[in-house]
């Protein structure tokens, strides 16, 4: 009986100490780096340097591997608008939504025959071509390390890629028109790591990299994305970001009438303005 009583007394003391420790922890205010905000909206300009290869062929047919910048005259460099929304759900968890699109077109005289889907576009023909892409990115990040000066963690998300490309020709001498187009929507999941460091009260650095490969139904793909950013705080709730971003993906798409191979890589600098709002009181 005595030993049982001592055990019960010991367990009671442990529980009491744990309870007091937990209560004091709950009362303790957590300090996070200054760049961690409850809500953040970003808008800016992205200067994109592209490298694009495609091949579209009918079933049991042969298509031409096309370098769209070299063979079809699409601009290699172009500027575009980007937008981002970030929600810091808790001390360690955050959600990001990101959007941008890159649309390019050209009129170009072919230097070689090109087979696109079920048509052959002959050398010296004048063709109109386009390659339009829209990317929606969703990600969830969890900070494994979370300190007043820095944080680092893991992220999981997806890039939803909408792409459409095509070629057309108008041969006025014979009054005929040829045109072909091919489009798809592909969700490409990714896993990655990220980190950020407050260099000073106004300057911070963050970076991230993600990768994934997937085979699903009639699509297969591979994705590699990275970014490196400098953040400068102008005033409370307003800062600017100067960064460098890159993405490289490969997608194979099989459709009933045709199949397509798409390899698109881009990188370039981006400048964005960030507006923050919401209460910044973090507790366990």
Protein backbone atom coordinates (compact mmCIF):
# COMPACT_ATOMS: atom_id res chain seq x y z
CA UNK A 1 0.00 0.00 0.00
CA UNK A 2 2.76 2.38 0.90
CA UNK A 3 4.62 1.76 -2.37
CA UNK A 4 1.38 2.22 -4.32
CA UNK A 5 0.73 5.49 -2.58
CA UNK A 6 4.26 6.69 -3.38
CA UNK A 7 3.80 5.79 -7.06
CA UNK A 8 0.49 7.64 -7.20
CA UNK A 9 2.06 10.64 -5.48
CA UNK A 10 4.95 10.62 -7.96
CA UNK A 11 2.62 10.42 -10.98
CA UNK A 12 0.51 13.20 -9.53
CA UNK A 13 3.60 15.38 -9.22
CA UNK A 14 4.72 14.63 -12.78
CA UNK A 15 1.27 15.45 -14.15
CA UNK A 16 1.11 18.66 -12.12
CA UNK A 17 4.54 19.76 -13.36
CA UNK A 18 3.67 18.91 -16.95
CA UNK A 19 0.40 20.80 -16.71
CA UNK A 20 2.12 23.90 -15.31
CA UNK A 21 4.80 23.70 -18.00
CA UNK A 22 2.18 23.36 -20.73
CA UNK A 23 0.18 26.28 -19.40
CA UNK A 24 3.26 28.51 -19.24
CA UNK A 25 4.18 27.50 -22.78
CA UNK A 26 0.70 28.39 -24.02
CA UNK A 27 1.00 31.78 -22.40
CA UNK A 28 4.37 32.45 -24.00
CA UNK A 29 4.28 34.66 -27.09
CA UNK A 30 6.21 33.27 -30.05
CA UNK A 31 8.41 35.67 -31.99
CA UNK A 32 8.85 34.92 -35.70
CA UNK A 33 11.00 36.68 -38.33
CA UNK A 34 9.64 40.08 -39.39
CA UNK A 35 8.87 38.88 -42.93
CA UNK A 36 6.37 36.27 -41.65
CA UNK A 37 2.92 37.85 -42.04
CA UNK A 38 -0.59 36.55 -41.51
CA UNK A 39 -1.66 37.45 -45.06
CA UNK A 40 0.47 38.69 -47.94
CA UNK A 41 -0.57 39.74 -51.46
CA UNK A 42 2.12 40.18 -54.12
CA UNK A 43 2.06 41.53 -57.66
CA UNK A 44 4.93 42.20 -60.00
CA UNK A 45 6.84 41.74 -63.24
CA UNK A 46 8.63 38.61 -64.41
CA UNK A 47 11.20 38.72 -67.24
CA UNK A 48 11.19 35.22 -68.74
CA UNK A 49 13.95 33.61 -70.81
CA UNK A 50 12.45 30.56 -72.56
CA UNK A 51 13.68 27.36 -74.15
CA UNK A 52 10.90 25.29 -75.75
CA UNK A 53 10.86 21.97 -77.59
CA UNK A 54 7.68 20.22 -78.77
CA UNK A 55 6.62 17.30 -80.96
CA UNK A 56 3.02 16.58 -81.92
CA UNK A 57 2.19 13.51 -84.01
CA UNK A 58 -0.84 11.44 -84.97
CA UNK A 59 -1.15 7.79 -83.94
CA UNK A 60 1.30 5.65 -85.94
CA UNK A 61 2.76 8.83 -87.40
CA UNK A 62 6.01 10.73 -87.10
CA UNK A 63 6.27 14.32 -85.92
CA UNK A 64 9.11 16.81 -86.08
CA UNK A 65 11.03 17.69 -82.92
CA UNK A 66 10.58 21.48 -83.03
CA UNK A 67 12.69 24.09 -81.27
CA UNK A 68 10.06 26.81 -81.13
CA UNK A 69 12.48 29.70 -80.72
CA UNK A 70 14.84 28.58 -83.49
CA UNK A 71 12.51 26.82 -85.94
CA UNK A 72 9.34 28.94 -85.55
CA UNK A 73 10.79 32.29 -84.51
CA UNK A 74 9.09 32.67 -81.12
CA UNK A 75 10.59 35.28 -78.83
CA UNK A 76 13.07 33.74 -76.43
CA UNK A 77 12.64 36.60 -73.96
CA UNK A 78 9.36 38.12 -72.82
CA UNK A 79 7.92 39.99 -69.84
CA UNK A 80 4.81 38.93 -67.97
CA UNK A 81 2.68 39.70 -64.91
CA UNK A 82 2.81 37.55 -61.78
CA UNK A 83 0.63 37.39 -58.67
CA UNK A 84 0.90 35.54 -55.35
CA UNK A 85 -1.15 35.12 -52.19
CA UNK A 86 0.29 33.72 -48.94
CA UNK A 87 -1.60 32.76 -45.79
CA UNK A 88 0.34 31.99 -42.62
CA UNK A 89 -2.13 29.57 -41.07
CA UNK A 90 -0.16 29.07 -37.85
CA UNK A 91 3.31 29.50 -36.44
CA UNK A 92 4.71 26.73 -38.63
CA UNK A 93 2.16 26.27 -41.44
CA UNK A 94 1.59 28.37 -44.54
CA UNK A 95 -0.31 28.15 -47.82
CA UNK A 96 0.74 29.76 -51.10
CA UNK A 97 -1.21 30.44 -54.30
CA UNK A 98 0.72 31.68 -57.32
CA UNK A 99 -0.28 32.65 -60.87
CA UNK A 100 1.43 33.74 -64.07
CA UNK A 101 1.13 33.17 -67.80
CA UNK A 102 3.49 33.30 -70.76
CA UNK A 103 1.92 33.79 -74.22
CA UNK A 104 4.05 33.98 -77.35
CA UNK A 105 3.34 34.04 -81.08
CA UNK A 106 5.23 34.74 -84.30
CA UNK A 107 5.13 34.89 -88.09
CA UNK A 108 8.10 33.08 -89.54
CA UNK A 109 9.44 31.61 -92.79
CA UNK A 110 10.39 27.97 -92.31
CA UNK A 111 13.92 26.79 -93.04
CA UNK A 112 12.91 23.11 -93.11
CA UNK A 113 9.88 20.87 -93.49
CA UNK A 114 7.90 20.49 -90.25
CA UNK A 115 5.40 17.72 -89.51
CA UNK A 116 2.88 18.84 -86.91
CA UNK A 117 0.07 16.40 -86.15
CA UNK A 118 -1.33 15.29 -89.58
CA UNK A 119 0.07 18.11 -91.73
CA UNK A 120 3.45 18.85 -93.28
CA UNK A 121 4.51 22.49 -93.42
CA UNK A 122 7.07 22.84 -96.20
CA UNK A 123 10.31 24.78 -96.10
CA UNK A 124 10.03 28.42 -97.26
CA UNK A 125 6.37 28.55 -96.15
CA UNK A 126 5.29 31.51 -94.07
CA UNK A 127 3.56 30.23 -90.92
CA UNK A 128 1.93 31.70 -87.86
CA UNK A 129 2.66 29.82 -84.63
CA UNK A 130 1.91 30.27 -80.94
CA UNK A 131 2.72 28.71 -77.58
CA UNK A 132 0.51 29.87 -74.68
CA UNK A 133 0.92 28.70 -71.11
CA UNK A 134 -0.78 29.51 -67.82
CA UNK A 135 0.53 28.19 -64.51
CA UNK A 136 -1.34 28.00 -61.21
CA UNK A 137 0.80 26.91 -58.29
CA UNK A 138 -0.53 25.74 -54.93
CA UNK A 139 1.74 24.72 -52.05
CA UNK A 140 1.62 23.94 -48.35
CA UNK A 141 4.75 24.59 -46.31
CA UNK A 142 5.66 23.46 -42.81
CA UNK A 143 8.54 25.07 -40.90
CA UNK A 144 10.63 22.42 -39.15
CA UNK A 145 12.94 25.17 -37.88
CA UNK A 146 11.23 28.31 -36.61
CA UNK A 147 13.29 30.99 -34.87
CA UNK A 148 13.13 34.82 -34.57
CA UNK A 149 15.89 35.20 -37.20
CA UNK A 150 15.23 32.31 -39.58
CA UNK A 151 12.96 29.44 -40.59
CA UNK A 152 13.26 26.40 -42.83
CA UNK A 153 11.01 23.53 -43.74
CA UNK A 154 9.35 21.24 -46.25
CA UNK A 155 6.65 21.93 -48.81
CA UNK A 156 4.26 19.91 -50.92
CA UNK A 157 2.14 21.26 -53.74
CA UNK A 158 1.28 21.16 -57.40
CA UNK A 159 1.82 23.19 -60.56
CA UNK A 160 -1.30 23.11 -62.73
CA UNK A 161 -0.09 23.76 -66.26
CA UNK A 162 -2.45 24.78 -69.05
CA UNK A 163 -0.74 24.84 -72.43
CA UNK A 164 -1.83 25.23 -76.05
CA UNK A 165 0.30 25.42 -79.16
CA UNK A 166 -0.41 25.56 -82.88
CA UNK A 167 0.73 26.30 -86.42
CA UNK A 168 -1.22 27.73 -89.35
CA UNK A 169 -0.45 28.67 -92.93
CA UNK A 170 -2.44 30.55 -95.56
CA UNK A 171 -1.32 29.79 -99.08
CA UNK A 172 -2.95 32.58 -101.07
CA UNK A 173 -1.71 31.27 -104.44
CA UNK A 174 -3.94 28.22 -104.24
CA UNK A 175 -6.45 29.59 -101.75
CA UNK A 176 -5.88 26.81 -99.21
CA UNK A 177 -5.54 27.01 -95.47
CA UNK A 178 -3.77 24.59 -93.13
CA UNK A 179 -3.82 24.81 -89.37
CA UNK A 180 -3.22 22.51 -86.42
CA UNK A 181 -3.33 23.00 -82.66
CA UNK A 182 -2.80 20.87 -79.58
CA UNK A 183 -3.58 21.64 -75.95
CA UNK A 184 -3.69 20.03 -72.53
CA UNK A 185 -4.00 20.66 -68.79
CA UNK A 186 -1.56 18.79 -66.56
CA UNK A 187 -1.34 18.87 -62.75
CA UNK A 188 2.30 18.28 -61.80
CA UNK A 189 2.82 17.60 -58.05
CA UNK A 190 6.09 18.59 -56.41
CA UNK A 191 7.96 18.21 -53.14
CA UNK A 192 10.58 20.62 -51.92
CA UNK A 193 12.53 22.42 -49.24
CA UNK A 194 12.66 26.12 -48.41
CA UNK A 195 14.39 28.46 -46.02
CA UNK A 196 14.53 32.15 -45.12
CA UNK A 197 16.86 34.34 -43.04
CA UNK A 198 16.38 37.86 -41.68
CA UNK A 199 19.75 39.50 -42.37
CA UNK A 200 18.63 42.70 -40.63
CA UNK A 201 15.43 44.40 -39.54
CA UNK A 202 14.72 45.37 -43.16
CA UNK A 203 16.56 42.85 -45.33
CA UNK A 204 15.85 39.13 -45.68
CA UNK A 205 16.75 36.26 -48.02
CA UNK A 206 14.60 33.27 -48.92
CA UNK A 207 15.07 30.36 -51.29
CA UNK A 208 13.35 27.14 -52.29
CA UNK A 209 13.67 24.19 -54.62
CA UNK A 210 11.16 21.49 -55.58
CA UNK A 211 11.10 18.41 -57.82
CA UNK A 212 8.76 15.60 -58.81
CA UNK A 213 8.14 13.05 -61.55
CA UNK A 214 4.76 11.46 -62.27
CA UNK A 215 3.06 8.95 -64.56
CA UNK A 216 -0.75 9.20 -64.49
CA UNK A 217 -3.25 7.84 -67.03
CA UNK A 218 -2.46 9.47 -70.38
CA UNK A 219 0.10 11.96 -69.03
CA UNK A 220 3.62 11.69 -67.67
CA UNK A 221 5.76 14.53 -66.50
CA UNK A 222 8.80 15.78 -64.64
CA UNK A 223 9.21 19.14 -62.93
CA UNK A 224 12.09 21.04 -61.32
CA UNK A 225 11.56 24.54 -59.89
CA UNK A 226 13.74 26.92 -57.88
CA UNK A 227 13.76 30.50 -56.60
CA UNK A 228 16.07 32.86 -54.73
CA UNK A 229 14.78 36.20 -53.40
CA UNK A 230 15.89 39.32 -51.58
CA UNK A 231 13.15 41.00 -49.52
CA UNK A 232 13.43 44.63 -48.44
CA UNK A 233 10.99 46.18 -45.99
CA UNK A 234 10.04 49.72 -47.02
CA UNK A 235 7.49 50.44 -44.29
CA UNK A 236 5.24 48.34 -42.10
CA UNK A 237 2.99 46.15 -44.26
CA UNK A 238 4.87 47.01 -47.46
CA UNK A 239 8.03 45.44 -48.86
CA UNK A 240 9.56 44.62 -52.23
CA UNK A 241 11.07 41.39 -53.54
CA UNK A 242 13.82 41.05 -56.12
CA UNK A 243 14.36 37.47 -57.14
CA UNK A 244 15.49 34.94 -59.68
CA UNK A 245 13.16 32.08 -60.60
CA UNK A 246 13.44 29.04 -62.82
CA UNK A 247 11.32 26.09 -63.88
CA UNK A 248 11.99 23.12 -66.12
CA UNK A 249 9.33 20.60 -67.04
CA UNK A 250 8.74 17.77 -69.47
CA UNK A 251 5.27 16.45 -70.26
CA UNK A 252 4.13 13.60 -72.52
CA UNK A 253 0.42 13.69 -73.40
CA UNK A 254 -1.53 11.01 -75.26
CA UNK A 255 -4.90 11.91 -76.76
CA UNK A 256 -7.19 9.82 -79.02
CA UNK A 257 -6.15 11.54 -82.26
CA UNK A 258 -2.60 12.59 -81.45
CA UNK A 259 0.18 12.61 -78.88
CA UNK A 260 2.42 15.42 -77.79
CA UNK A 261 5.85 15.86 -76.22
CA UNK A 262 6.53 19.17 -74.49
CA UNK A 263 9.74 20.33 -72.88
CA UNK A 264 9.75 23.89 -71.61
CA UNK A 265 12.38 25.57 -69.48
CA UNK A 266 12.54 29.15 -68.35
CA UNK A 267 14.36 31.36 -65.89
CA UNK A 268 14.73 35.03 -65.19
CA UNK A 269 14.52 37.90 -62.71
CA UNK A 270 11.30 39.05 -61.06
CA UNK A 271 10.36 42.20 -59.15
CA UNK A 272 7.27 42.29 -56.93
CA UNK A 273 5.56 44.53 -54.40
CA UNK A 274 4.14 42.81 -51.32
CA UNK A 275 1.31 44.11 -49.13
CA UNK A 276 0.75 42.43 -45.77
CA UNK A 277 -2.18 42.51 -43.36
CA UNK A 278 -3.71 40.57 -40.48
CA UNK A 279 -2.85 40.11 -36.82
CA UNK A 280 0.67 38.82 -36.08
CA UNK A 281 0.37 37.16 -32.68
CA UNK A 282 1.76 33.62 -32.82
CA UNK A 283 1.33 31.11 -30.01
CA UNK A 284 1.73 27.36 -29.75
